[in-house]
N, C-alpha and C. Protein backbone atom coordinates (compact mmCIF):
# COMPACT_ATOMS: atom_id res chain seq x y z
N MET A 1 20.46 -22.96 -1.73
CA MET A 1 19.84 -22.07 -2.69
C MET A 1 20.93 -21.25 -3.37
N PRO A 2 21.03 -21.33 -4.68
CA PRO A 2 22.05 -20.55 -5.38
C PRO A 2 21.74 -19.06 -5.32
N THR A 3 22.78 -18.28 -5.20
CA THR A 3 22.61 -16.84 -5.18
C THR A 3 23.44 -16.22 -6.29
N MET A 4 23.10 -15.00 -6.66
CA MET A 4 23.88 -14.29 -7.67
C MET A 4 24.07 -12.86 -7.24
N LYS A 5 25.07 -12.24 -7.77
CA LYS A 5 25.32 -10.83 -7.47
C LYS A 5 24.31 -9.97 -8.19
N VAL A 6 24.08 -8.78 -7.66
CA VAL A 6 23.09 -7.88 -8.24
C VAL A 6 23.36 -7.63 -9.71
N GLY A 7 24.61 -7.48 -10.09
CA GLY A 7 24.95 -7.21 -11.48
C GLY A 7 24.62 -8.35 -12.41
N GLN A 8 24.39 -9.53 -11.85
CA GLN A 8 24.09 -10.71 -12.67
C GLN A 8 22.61 -10.92 -12.89
N VAL A 9 21.78 -10.15 -12.23
CA VAL A 9 20.34 -10.30 -12.37
C VAL A 9 19.93 -9.86 -13.77
N SER A 10 19.15 -10.67 -14.44
CA SER A 10 18.73 -10.33 -15.80
C SER A 10 17.67 -9.24 -15.76
N SER A 11 17.55 -8.54 -16.86
CA SER A 11 16.54 -7.48 -16.93
C SER A 11 15.14 -8.07 -16.83
N ASN A 12 14.95 -9.30 -17.30
CA ASN A 12 13.63 -9.95 -17.16
C ASN A 12 13.29 -10.18 -15.70
N THR A 13 14.27 -10.59 -14.92
CA THR A 13 14.05 -10.81 -13.50
C THR A 13 13.69 -9.50 -12.82
N VAL A 14 14.40 -8.44 -13.15
CA VAL A 14 14.11 -7.12 -12.58
C VAL A 14 12.71 -6.68 -12.98
N SER A 15 12.36 -6.85 -14.24
CA SER A 15 11.02 -6.47 -14.71
C SER A 15 9.94 -7.27 -13.97
N ASP A 16 10.19 -8.56 -13.77
CA ASP A 16 9.22 -9.39 -13.04
C ASP A 16 9.04 -8.90 -11.61
N LEU A 17 10.15 -8.56 -10.96
CA LEU A 17 10.06 -8.05 -9.59
C LEU A 17 9.33 -6.71 -9.54
N GLN A 18 9.63 -5.84 -10.49
CA GLN A 18 8.94 -4.55 -10.54
C GLN A 18 7.45 -4.75 -10.74
N GLN A 19 7.06 -5.69 -11.59
CA GLN A 19 5.64 -5.96 -11.85
C GLN A 19 4.97 -6.50 -10.59
N LYS A 20 5.65 -7.39 -9.88
CA LYS A 20 5.09 -7.93 -8.64
C LYS A 20 4.88 -6.83 -7.61
N HIS A 21 5.86 -5.93 -7.47
CA HIS A 21 5.73 -4.81 -6.54
C HIS A 21 4.56 -3.92 -6.94
N TRP A 22 4.44 -3.63 -8.22
CA TRP A 22 3.36 -2.77 -8.69
C TRP A 22 2.01 -3.43 -8.42
N ASP A 23 1.90 -4.73 -8.70
CA ASP A 23 0.64 -5.45 -8.47
C ASP A 23 0.25 -5.43 -7.00
N LEU A 24 1.23 -5.67 -6.12
CA LEU A 24 0.94 -5.66 -4.69
C LEU A 24 0.59 -4.27 -4.19
N ASP A 25 1.29 -3.25 -4.67
CA ASP A 25 0.96 -1.87 -4.30
C ASP A 25 -0.46 -1.52 -4.72
N ARG A 26 -0.83 -1.93 -5.91
CA ARG A 26 -2.19 -1.67 -6.41
C ARG A 26 -3.22 -2.40 -5.56
N LYS A 27 -2.94 -3.66 -5.21
CA LYS A 27 -3.87 -4.44 -4.40
C LYS A 27 -4.04 -3.81 -3.01
N ILE A 28 -2.94 -3.37 -2.41
CA ILE A 28 -3.01 -2.70 -1.11
C ILE A 28 -3.85 -1.44 -1.22
N GLY A 29 -3.61 -0.65 -2.26
CA GLY A 29 -4.39 0.58 -2.46
C GLY A 29 -5.86 0.32 -2.65
N GLU A 30 -6.20 -0.71 -3.43
CA GLU A 30 -7.61 -1.05 -3.65
C GLU A 30 -8.26 -1.50 -2.35
N THR A 31 -7.55 -2.30 -1.58
CA THR A 31 -8.09 -2.80 -0.32
C THR A 31 -8.31 -1.67 0.66
N LEU A 32 -7.31 -0.80 0.81
CA LEU A 32 -7.44 0.31 1.76
C LEU A 32 -8.47 1.34 1.30
N GLY A 33 -8.68 1.43 0.00
CA GLY A 33 -9.67 2.37 -0.51
C GLY A 33 -11.09 2.04 -0.06
N MET A 34 -11.34 0.77 0.25
CA MET A 34 -12.68 0.34 0.64
C MET A 34 -12.87 0.36 2.16
N VAL A 35 -11.81 0.63 2.91
CA VAL A 35 -11.85 0.55 4.38
C VAL A 35 -12.23 1.92 4.95
N ASN A 36 -13.02 1.89 6.04
CA ASN A 36 -13.42 3.17 6.63
C ASN A 36 -12.26 3.79 7.41
N LEU A 37 -12.41 5.04 7.76
CA LEU A 37 -11.34 5.82 8.38
C LEU A 37 -10.88 5.25 9.71
N ASN A 38 -11.79 4.73 10.52
CA ASN A 38 -11.41 4.16 11.81
C ASN A 38 -10.47 2.96 11.65
N VAL A 39 -10.78 2.12 10.70
CA VAL A 39 -9.93 0.95 10.45
C VAL A 39 -8.56 1.40 9.94
N LYS A 40 -8.53 2.39 9.06
CA LYS A 40 -7.25 2.92 8.56
C LYS A 40 -6.42 3.48 9.71
N ALA A 41 -7.07 4.17 10.65
CA ALA A 41 -6.35 4.74 11.80
C ALA A 41 -5.75 3.63 12.66
N LYS A 42 -6.49 2.55 12.89
CA LYS A 42 -5.97 1.42 13.66
C LYS A 42 -4.79 0.77 12.93
N LEU A 43 -4.91 0.64 11.64
CA LEU A 43 -3.83 0.06 10.84
C LEU A 43 -2.58 0.93 10.92
N ALA A 44 -2.77 2.24 10.84
CA ALA A 44 -1.63 3.16 10.90
C ALA A 44 -0.88 3.02 12.22
N LEU A 45 -1.58 2.72 13.30
CA LEU A 45 -0.93 2.52 14.59
C LEU A 45 -0.09 1.23 14.62
N ARG A 46 -0.48 0.24 13.80
CA ARG A 46 0.23 -1.04 13.78
C ARG A 46 1.39 -1.06 12.79
N ILE A 47 1.47 -0.09 11.90
CA ILE A 47 2.50 -0.11 10.86
C ILE A 47 3.91 -0.18 11.42
N PRO A 48 4.27 0.59 12.47
CA PRO A 48 5.64 0.46 13.00
C PRO A 48 5.98 -0.97 13.45
N GLN A 49 5.02 -1.64 14.07
CA GLN A 49 5.24 -3.02 14.50
C GLN A 49 5.42 -3.94 13.29
N LEU A 50 4.61 -3.73 12.26
CA LEU A 50 4.73 -4.54 11.05
C LEU A 50 6.09 -4.33 10.38
N VAL A 51 6.57 -3.09 10.36
CA VAL A 51 7.87 -2.79 9.77
C VAL A 51 8.98 -3.50 10.55
N GLU A 52 8.86 -3.52 11.88
CA GLU A 52 9.84 -4.23 12.70
C GLU A 52 9.85 -5.72 12.38
N GLU A 53 8.66 -6.31 12.21
CA GLU A 53 8.56 -7.73 11.87
C GLU A 53 9.19 -8.00 10.50
N ILE A 54 8.95 -7.11 9.56
CA ILE A 54 9.52 -7.27 8.22
C ILE A 54 11.04 -7.18 8.29
N ASN A 55 11.55 -6.20 9.03
CA ASN A 55 13.00 -6.05 9.16
C ASN A 55 13.62 -7.27 9.83
N ALA A 56 12.95 -7.83 10.84
CA ALA A 56 13.45 -9.03 11.51
C ALA A 56 13.51 -10.21 10.54
N GLU A 57 12.50 -10.31 9.69
CA GLU A 57 12.48 -11.39 8.69
C GLU A 57 13.62 -11.21 7.68
N ILE A 58 13.85 -9.98 7.27
CA ILE A 58 14.95 -9.69 6.34
C ILE A 58 16.28 -10.06 6.98
N GLN A 59 16.47 -9.67 8.24
CA GLN A 59 17.70 -10.00 8.96
C GLN A 59 17.90 -11.51 9.03
N ALA A 60 16.83 -12.24 9.36
CA ALA A 60 16.91 -13.70 9.47
C ALA A 60 17.29 -14.32 8.13
N THR A 61 16.72 -13.78 7.07
CA THR A 61 17.03 -14.30 5.74
C THR A 61 18.48 -14.01 5.36
N GLU A 62 18.96 -12.80 5.68
CA GLU A 62 20.34 -12.45 5.37
C GLU A 62 21.32 -13.31 6.16
N ASN A 63 20.96 -13.67 7.38
CA ASN A 63 21.83 -14.51 8.20
C ASN A 63 21.92 -15.94 7.66
N ASP A 64 20.90 -16.37 6.92
CA ASP A 64 20.91 -17.71 6.34
C ASP A 64 21.81 -17.82 5.13
N ILE A 65 22.13 -16.69 4.52
CA ILE A 65 22.93 -16.70 3.28
C ILE A 65 24.37 -16.97 3.56
């Protein structure tokens, strides 16, 4: 997989990534807005574990480069 330095990323690519982040943030907000408080509380307890899983995935990806 070809890689490029951060300075080489085009503004279109950055805009696309920003749009994807915004879309996902909006979708998460819409989904959580419909969930009752008990479910939100359970989710909040799982967030640290989810963050650890995300960080492990990032580490694994960085090691592949």
